[in-house]
Amino acid sequence: MSLENNKQNAIAFYDTAYKGNPRKAISEYVGSEYLQHNPEVADGTEGFITYFERMQQEYPEKTIEFVRCIAEGDLVALHTHQTWPENDQYVTMDFFRFDEQGKICEHWDAIQQIPKSSKNPNTMY
């Protein structure tokens, strides 16, 4: 298990699921256990698959850009920019924990809608 492999696998996992193939993402990148901390997604692999299959059906035009990826120990953090229908944009931060076999076994996230205006000239990235 290396930090670089974990970073590549976290991005590939999320990209695969987000773009409509969560079952493949689970089979390739998740270990025997998957703990979910997002209250909108049921725990375990089937909860993850159900959520992302529904998102793909309801919002097939959504896009994701991976802005940053940081790894330390058994954790990988992803900083993303998501664009949904009608140019609805979000900044997300996802954390993944990897097991000893280099498979994802736990997930936390935070999401914030990008406001239409800001009191400063800096982006949220």
N, C-alpha and C. Protein backbone atom coordinates (compact mmCIF):
# COMPACT_ATOMS: atom_id res chain seq x y z
N MET A 1 0.84 -1.18 0.00
CA MET A 1 0.00 0.00 0.00
C MET A 1 0.89 1.24 0.00
N SER A 2 0.71 2.11 -0.99
CA SER A 2 1.47 3.35 -1.01
C SER A 2 0.50 4.53 -1.05
N LEU A 3 0.97 5.67 -0.61
CA LEU A 3 0.14 6.87 -0.63
C LEU A 3 -0.28 7.21 -2.05
N GLU A 4 0.64 7.09 -2.99
CA GLU A 4 0.31 7.42 -4.39
C GLU A 4 -0.75 6.47 -4.95
N ASN A 5 -0.64 5.18 -4.65
CA ASN A 5 -1.66 4.22 -5.10
C ASN A 5 -3.02 4.54 -4.49
N ASN A 6 -3.02 4.86 -3.19
CA ASN A 6 -4.28 5.19 -2.53
C ASN A 6 -4.91 6.43 -3.15
N LYS A 7 -4.10 7.43 -3.47
CA LYS A 7 -4.63 8.64 -4.11
C LYS A 7 -5.26 8.30 -5.47
N GLN A 8 -4.53 7.55 -6.28
CA GLN A 8 -5.05 7.17 -7.60
C GLN A 8 -6.33 6.34 -7.48
N ASN A 9 -6.37 5.43 -6.51
CA ASN A 9 -7.54 4.58 -6.32
C ASN A 9 -8.74 5.36 -5.80
N ALA A 10 -8.52 6.33 -4.91
CA ALA A 10 -9.63 7.15 -4.41
C ALA A 10 -10.25 7.95 -5.55
N ILE A 11 -9.42 8.55 -6.39
CA ILE A 11 -9.93 9.32 -7.53
C ILE A 11 -10.67 8.40 -8.50
N ALA A 12 -10.08 7.26 -8.83
CA ALA A 12 -10.71 6.33 -9.77
C ALA A 12 -12.03 5.81 -9.22
N PHE A 13 -12.06 5.49 -7.93
CA PHE A 13 -13.28 5.01 -7.28
C PHE A 13 -14.39 6.04 -7.40
N TYR A 14 -14.11 7.27 -6.99
CA TYR A 14 -15.14 8.30 -6.99
C TYR A 14 -15.55 8.68 -8.41
N ASP A 15 -14.60 8.77 -9.31
CA ASP A 15 -14.89 9.11 -10.70
C ASP A 15 -15.78 8.04 -11.34
N THR A 16 -15.46 6.79 -11.12
CA THR A 16 -16.24 5.69 -11.69
C THR A 16 -17.67 5.69 -11.16
N ALA A 17 -17.83 5.87 -9.86
CA ALA A 17 -19.17 5.88 -9.26
C ALA A 17 -19.96 7.11 -9.72
N TYR A 18 -19.33 8.27 -9.68
CA TYR A 18 -19.99 9.53 -10.00
C TYR A 18 -20.47 9.55 -11.45
N LYS A 19 -19.70 8.94 -12.33
CA LYS A 19 -20.06 8.94 -13.75
C LYS A 19 -20.98 7.79 -14.14
N GLY A 20 -21.51 7.08 -13.15
CA GLY A 20 -22.59 6.15 -13.44
C GLY A 20 -22.32 4.67 -13.29
N ASN A 21 -21.17 4.27 -12.73
CA ASN A 21 -20.93 2.84 -12.58
C ASN A 21 -20.47 2.52 -11.15
N PRO A 22 -21.35 2.75 -10.16
CA PRO A 22 -20.95 2.49 -8.77
C PRO A 22 -20.67 1.02 -8.46
N ARG A 23 -21.33 0.12 -9.16
CA ARG A 23 -21.09 -1.32 -8.91
C ARG A 23 -19.65 -1.68 -9.29
N LYS A 24 -19.17 -1.16 -10.41
CA LYS A 24 -17.78 -1.38 -10.81
C LYS A 24 -16.83 -0.73 -9.82
N ALA A 25 -17.15 0.47 -9.36
CA ALA A 25 -16.31 1.17 -8.38
C ALA A 25 -16.16 0.33 -7.11
N ILE A 26 -17.26 -0.22 -6.64
CA ILE A 26 -17.23 -1.06 -5.44
C ILE A 26 -16.39 -2.31 -5.68
N SER A 27 -16.62 -2.99 -6.79
CA SER A 27 -15.92 -4.26 -7.05
C SER A 27 -14.42 -4.07 -7.20
N GLU A 28 -13.99 -2.93 -7.74
CA GLU A 28 -12.56 -2.72 -7.99
C GLU A 28 -11.81 -2.06 -6.84
N TYR A 29 -12.49 -1.24 -6.03
CA TYR A 29 -11.75 -0.40 -5.09
C TYR A 29 -12.14 -0.54 -3.62
N VAL A 30 -13.18 -1.31 -3.31
CA VAL A 30 -13.65 -1.42 -1.93
C VAL A 30 -13.37 -2.81 -1.39
N GLY A 31 -12.99 -2.84 -0.11
CA GLY A 31 -12.71 -4.11 0.55
C GLY A 31 -13.96 -4.80 1.05
N SER A 32 -13.79 -5.68 2.02
CA SER A 32 -14.90 -6.48 2.53
C SER A 32 -15.85 -5.66 3.42
N GLU A 33 -15.41 -4.50 3.86
CA GLU A 33 -16.23 -3.65 4.73
C GLU A 33 -16.27 -2.25 4.14
N TYR A 34 -17.44 -1.59 4.22
CA TYR A 34 -17.55 -0.20 3.76
C TYR A 34 -18.46 0.56 4.71
N LEU A 35 -17.86 1.43 5.51
CA LEU A 35 -18.60 2.24 6.46
C LEU A 35 -18.87 3.60 5.84
N GLN A 36 -20.12 4.04 5.91
CA GLN A 36 -20.55 5.28 5.29
C GLN A 36 -20.98 6.28 6.37
N HIS A 37 -20.47 7.51 6.30
CA HIS A 37 -20.81 8.54 7.29
C HIS A 37 -21.71 9.63 6.72
N ASN A 38 -21.99 9.62 5.41
CA ASN A 38 -22.90 10.59 4.83
C ASN A 38 -24.32 10.18 5.22
N PRO A 39 -25.08 11.04 5.90
CA PRO A 39 -26.42 10.65 6.36
C PRO A 39 -27.43 10.44 5.24
N GLU A 40 -27.11 10.84 4.02
CA GLU A 40 -28.01 10.65 2.88
C GLU A 40 -27.81 9.30 2.18
N VAL A 41 -26.78 8.55 2.61
CA VAL A 41 -26.43 7.29 1.95
C VAL A 41 -26.46 6.17 2.98
N ALA A 42 -27.14 5.08 2.66
CA ALA A 42 -27.20 3.93 3.57
C ALA A 42 -25.81 3.32 3.73
N ASP A 43 -25.56 2.73 4.88
CA ASP A 43 -24.29 2.10 5.18
C ASP A 43 -24.07 0.89 4.28
N GLY A 44 -22.82 0.56 4.02
CA GLY A 44 -22.48 -0.62 3.25
C GLY A 44 -22.44 -0.36 1.75
N THR A 45 -21.99 -1.38 1.03
CA THR A 45 -21.79 -1.22 -0.41
C THR A 45 -23.09 -1.06 -1.18
N GLU A 46 -24.14 -1.77 -0.80
CA GLU A 46 -25.41 -1.67 -1.53
C GLU A 46 -26.03 -0.29 -1.37
N GLY A 47 -25.87 0.31 -0.20
CA GLY A 47 -26.36 1.68 0.00
C GLY A 47 -25.65 2.66 -0.91
N PHE A 48 -24.35 2.49 -1.07
CA PHE A 48 -23.56 3.32 -1.96
C PHE A 48 -24.01 3.16 -3.40
N ILE A 49 -24.16 1.91 -3.83
CA ILE A 49 -24.57 1.61 -5.20
C ILE A 49 -25.95 2.20 -5.48
N THR A 50 -26.89 2.01 -4.59
CA THR A 50 -28.25 2.53 -4.75
C THR A 50 -28.24 4.05 -4.91
N TYR A 51 -27.49 4.73 -4.05
CA TYR A 51 -27.42 6.19 -4.09
C TYR A 51 -26.86 6.68 -5.44
N PHE A 52 -25.71 6.15 -5.86
CA PHE A 52 -25.08 6.64 -7.08
C PHE A 52 -25.83 6.21 -8.35
N GLU A 53 -26.50 5.08 -8.33
CA GLU A 53 -27.34 4.71 -9.48
C GLU A 53 -28.51 5.69 -9.60
N ARG A 54 -29.11 6.07 -8.47
CA ARG A 54 -30.20 7.04 -8.49
C ARG A 54 -29.71 8.40 -8.98
N MET A 55 -28.54 8.84 -8.51
CA MET A 55 -28.00 10.13 -8.94
C MET A 55 -27.74 10.14 -10.46
N GLN A 56 -27.27 9.01 -10.99
CA GLN A 56 -27.00 8.93 -12.43
C GLN A 56 -28.30 8.99 -13.22
N GLN A 57 -29.34 8.35 -12.73
CA GLN A 57 -30.63 8.38 -13.43
C GLN A 57 -31.25 9.78 -13.38
N GLU A 58 -31.17 10.43 -12.23
CA GLU A 58 -31.81 11.73 -12.05
C GLU A 58 -31.00 12.87 -12.64
N TYR A 59 -29.66 12.75 -12.63
CA TYR A 59 -28.79 13.85 -13.06
C TYR A 59 -27.65 13.34 -13.96
N PRO A 60 -27.96 12.80 -15.12
CA PRO A 60 -26.91 12.22 -15.96
C PRO A 60 -25.90 13.24 -16.49
N GLU A 61 -26.25 14.52 -16.50
CA GLU A 61 -25.36 15.55 -17.05
C GLU A 61 -24.41 16.15 -16.02
N LYS A 62 -24.45 15.70 -14.79
CA LYS A 62 -23.57 16.26 -13.75
C LYS A 62 -22.10 16.00 -14.11
N THR A 63 -21.22 16.89 -13.65
CA THR A 63 -19.79 16.72 -13.90
C THR A 63 -19.01 16.89 -12.61
N ILE A 64 -17.78 16.38 -12.62
CA ILE A 64 -16.91 16.49 -11.45
C ILE A 64 -15.50 16.82 -11.91
N GLU A 65 -14.84 17.68 -11.16
CA GLU A 65 -13.44 18.01 -11.39
C GLU A 65 -12.70 17.76 -10.08
N PHE A 66 -11.62 17.01 -10.14
CA PHE A 66 -10.81 16.75 -8.95
C PHE A 66 -9.77 17.86 -8.84
N VAL A 67 -9.91 18.69 -7.82
CA VAL A 67 -9.06 19.87 -7.65
C VAL A 67 -7.80 19.53 -6.86
N ARG A 68 -7.97 18.78 -5.77
CA ARG A 68 -6.84 18.39 -4.92
C ARG A 68 -7.03 16.97 -4.42
N CYS A 69 -5.90 16.33 -4.17
CA CYS A 69 -5.89 15.00 -3.56
C CYS A 69 -4.72 14.95 -2.60
N ILE A 70 -5.01 14.66 -1.34
CA ILE A 70 -3.99 14.66 -0.29
C ILE A 70 -4.07 13.32 0.44
N ALA A 71 -2.92 12.72 0.70
CA ALA A 71 -2.89 11.43 1.39
C ALA A 71 -1.96 11.50 2.59
N GLU A 72 -2.38 10.82 3.65
CA GLU A 72 -1.56 10.69 4.86
C GLU A 72 -1.98 9.40 5.57
N GLY A 73 -1.02 8.57 5.88
CA GLY A 73 -1.33 7.31 6.56
C GLY A 73 -2.29 6.48 5.72
N ASP A 74 -3.43 6.10 6.32
CA ASP A 74 -4.41 5.30 5.59
C ASP A 74 -5.58 6.14 5.07
N LEU A 75 -5.41 7.48 5.04
CA LEU A 75 -6.48 8.39 4.61
C LEU A 75 -6.12 9.12 3.31
N VAL A 76 -7.15 9.33 2.49
CA VAL A 76 -7.03 10.16 1.30
C VAL A 76 -8.16 11.18 1.34
N ALA A 77 -7.82 12.45 1.07
CA ALA A 77 -8.81 13.52 1.00
C ALA A 77 -8.90 14.02 -0.44
N LEU A 78 -10.13 14.15 -0.93
CA LEU A 78 -10.38 14.70 -2.25
C LEU A 78 -11.13 16.01 -2.11
N HIS A 79 -10.70 17.02 -2.85
CA HIS A 79 -11.36 18.33 -2.91
C HIS A 79 -11.89 18.43 -4.33
N THR A 80 -13.20 18.50 -4.51
CA THR A 80 -13.77 18.46 -5.84
C THR A 80 -14.69 19.65 -6.13
N HIS A 81 -14.91 19.87 -7.40
CA HIS A 81 -15.86 20.86 -7.89
C HIS A 81 -16.88 20.11 -8.71
N GLN A 82 -18.13 20.17 -8.27
CA GLN A 82 -19.20 19.46 -8.96
C GLN A 82 -20.16 20.48 -9.59
N THR A 83 -20.57 20.20 -10.82
CA THR A 83 -21.56 21.03 -11.50
C THR A 83 -22.76 20.15 -11.83
N TRP A 84 -23.94 20.60 -11.38
CA TRP A 84 -25.18 19.87 -11.56
C TRP A 84 -26.08 20.64 -12.53
N PRO A 85 -27.25 20.13 -12.86
CA PRO A 85 -28.13 20.82 -13.81
C PRO A 85 -28.37 22.28 -13.43
N GLU A 86 -28.59 23.09 -14.46
CA GLU A 86 -28.83 24.53 -14.31
C GLU A 86 -27.64 25.24 -13.68
N ASN A 87 -26.44 24.71 -13.91
CA ASN A 87 -25.19 25.29 -13.42
C ASN A 87 -25.15 25.40 -11.90
N ASP A 88 -25.80 24.49 -11.21
CA ASP A 88 -25.77 24.43 -9.75
C ASP A 88 -24.42 23.83 -9.35
N GLN A 89 -23.59 24.59 -8.64
CA GLN A 89 -22.22 24.16 -8.37
C GLN A 89 -21.96 23.95 -6.88
N TYR A 90 -21.13 22.95 -6.61
CA TYR A 90 -20.80 22.58 -5.24
C TYR A 90 -19.31 22.34 -5.09
N VAL A 91 -18.81 22.64 -3.91
CA VAL A 91 -17.46 22.23 -3.52
C VAL A 91 -17.65 21.08 -2.53
N THR A 92 -16.90 20.01 -2.72
CA THR A 92 -16.99 18.87 -1.80
C THR A 92 -15.62 18.50 -1.29
N MET A 93 -15.62 17.91 -0.11
CA MET A 93 -14.41 17.35 0.47
C MET A 93 -14.77 15.96 0.96
N ASP A 94 -14.12 14.97 0.40
CA ASP A 94 -14.36 13.57 0.74
C ASP A 94 -13.10 12.99 1.37
N PHE A 95 -13.30 12.19 2.40
CA PHE A 95 -12.20 11.48 3.04
C PHE A 95 -12.47 9.99 2.94
N PHE A 96 -11.45 9.25 2.53
CA PHE A 96 -11.55 7.80 2.41
C PHE A 96 -10.48 7.16 3.28
N ARG A 97 -10.86 6.12 4.01
CA ARG A 97 -9.88 5.34 4.78
C ARG A 97 -9.66 4.03 4.02
N PHE A 98 -8.40 3.63 3.94
CA PHE A 98 -8.01 2.40 3.25
C PHE A 98 -7.62 1.33 4.27
N ASP A 99 -7.93 0.07 3.94
CA ASP A 99 -7.54 -1.04 4.80
C ASP A 99 -6.12 -1.49 4.46
N GLU A 100 -5.64 -2.55 5.11
CA GLU A 100 -4.27 -3.03 4.91
C GLU A 100 -4.03 -3.58 3.50
N GLN A 101 -5.09 -3.95 2.81
CA GLN A 101 -4.96 -4.47 1.45
C GLN A 101 -5.03 -3.36 0.39
N GLY A 102 -5.11 -2.11 0.83
CA GLY A 102 -5.19 -0.99 -0.10
C GLY A 102 -6.58 -0.78 -0.68
N LYS A 103 -7.60 -1.26 0.02
CA LYS A 103 -8.99 -1.11 -0.43
C LYS A 103 -9.70 -0.08 0.46
N ILE A 104 -10.63 0.65 -0.13
CA ILE A 104 -11.41 1.64 0.61
C ILE A 104 -12.35 0.92 1.56
N CYS A 105 -12.40 1.41 2.80
CA CYS A 105 -13.27 0.76 3.79
C CYS A 105 -14.13 1.75 4.58
N GLU A 106 -13.92 3.07 4.39
CA GLU A 106 -14.71 4.04 5.13
C GLU A 106 -14.71 5.38 4.40
N HIS A 107 -15.82 6.13 4.53
CA HIS A 107 -15.99 7.40 3.81
C HIS A 107 -16.70 8.45 4.66
N TRP A 108 -16.17 9.68 4.61
CA TRP A 108 -16.80 10.86 5.20
C TRP A 108 -16.82 11.94 4.12
N ASP A 109 -17.78 12.86 4.19
CA ASP A 109 -17.76 13.97 3.25
C ASP A 109 -18.44 15.21 3.81
N ALA A 110 -18.17 16.33 3.15
CA ALA A 110 -18.84 17.59 3.42
C ALA A 110 -19.07 18.25 2.07
N ILE A 111 -20.22 18.89 1.92
CA ILE A 111 -20.57 19.52 0.65
C ILE A 111 -21.12 20.90 0.94
N GLN A 112 -20.77 21.85 0.08
CA GLN A 112 -21.26 23.22 0.22
C GLN A 112 -21.58 23.77 -1.15
N GLN A 113 -22.76 24.35 -1.28
CA GLN A 113 -23.11 24.99 -2.55
C GLN A 113 -22.26 26.24 -2.72
N ILE A 114 -21.76 26.45 -3.94
CA ILE A 114 -20.96 27.63 -4.23
C ILE A 114 -21.92 28.80 -4.41
N PRO A 115 -21.76 29.85 -3.60
CA PRO A 115 -22.70 30.98 -3.69
C PRO A 115 -22.51 31.77 -4.98
N LYS A 116 -23.57 32.48 -5.37
CA LYS A 116 -23.52 33.29 -6.59
C LYS A 116 -22.59 34.50 -6.43
N SER A 117 -22.40 34.98 -5.20
CA SER A 117 -21.52 36.13 -4.97
C SER A 117 -20.66 35.86 -3.73
N SER A 118 -19.56 36.60 -3.64
CA SER A 118 -18.62 36.44 -2.53
C SER A 118 -18.13 37.81 -2.08
N LYS A 119 -17.81 37.92 -0.80
CA LYS A 119 -17.29 39.17 -0.27
C LYS A 119 -15.79 39.31 -0.50
N ASN A 120 -15.20 38.30 -1.16
CA ASN A 120 -13.77 38.37 -1.51
C ASN A 120 -13.58 37.82 -2.93
N PRO A 121 -12.44 38.10 -3.53
CA PRO A 121 -12.22 37.67 -4.92
C PRO A 121 -11.68 36.25 -5.05
N ASN A 122 -11.56 35.52 -3.96
CA ASN A 122 -10.96 34.18 -3.97
C ASN A 122 -12.02 33.12 -4.29
N THR A 123 -11.59 32.10 -5.00
CA THR A 123 -12.51 30.98 -5.26
C THR A 123 -12.55 30.08 -4.02
N MET A 124 -13.40 29.10 -4.04
CA MET A 124 -13.48 28.15 -2.94
C MET A 124 -12.46 27.02 -3.09
N TYR A 125 -11.53 27.19 -4.06
CA TYR A 125 -10.49 26.19 -4.28
C TYR A 125 -9.13 26.79 -4.08
